[in-house]
């Protein structure tokens, strides 16, 4: 009977040790995947860590942060930067001792804010050029208006963001001919 208890104890301690090793390995591999920008892999690894230790607040926080990070990157791809910025702010509310993901997200947030400012400035400049072309058109300076409108079309024809301005400029250009 004593041998059975000893064997069960050894197996239990071995299992707990393996489980801790597996948890620690998943956590470290997940962090390494974050560093390598392999966010889906990191999410899977943190999920494994949560499965190994469901009471680990750190593993759960990193899993949730990684999930949100993936969502932020998808929003960026859809050019939905305002919503991405809001999600960036939410990640900082998911407490984690490791600031790796929070630092990445804060850098992304700054990048998105800069992009929005640049886009706003570009749009102001674009609208100014359109107004200039309209003024030339009203003054019957068709050649210069045509040049401005053609330049604008060349600038924005491959962007989805300025489709309204593109339609307007194409219509104005047709008046120059």
Foldseek 3Di string as FASTA:
>chain_A
DVVVVVVVVVVVVVVLVVLVVLLVVLQVVLLVCVVVVVLVSSLVSLVVNCVSPVPDLQSVLSNVLSVLVVVLVVCVVVVVLVVSLVSLVVNVVSDHPDCSSNVVSVVVNVVSVVVVVVVVVVVVVLVVLLVVLVVCVVVVVLVVSLVSLVVSCVVPVPPPVCVVVVVVSVVSNVSSD
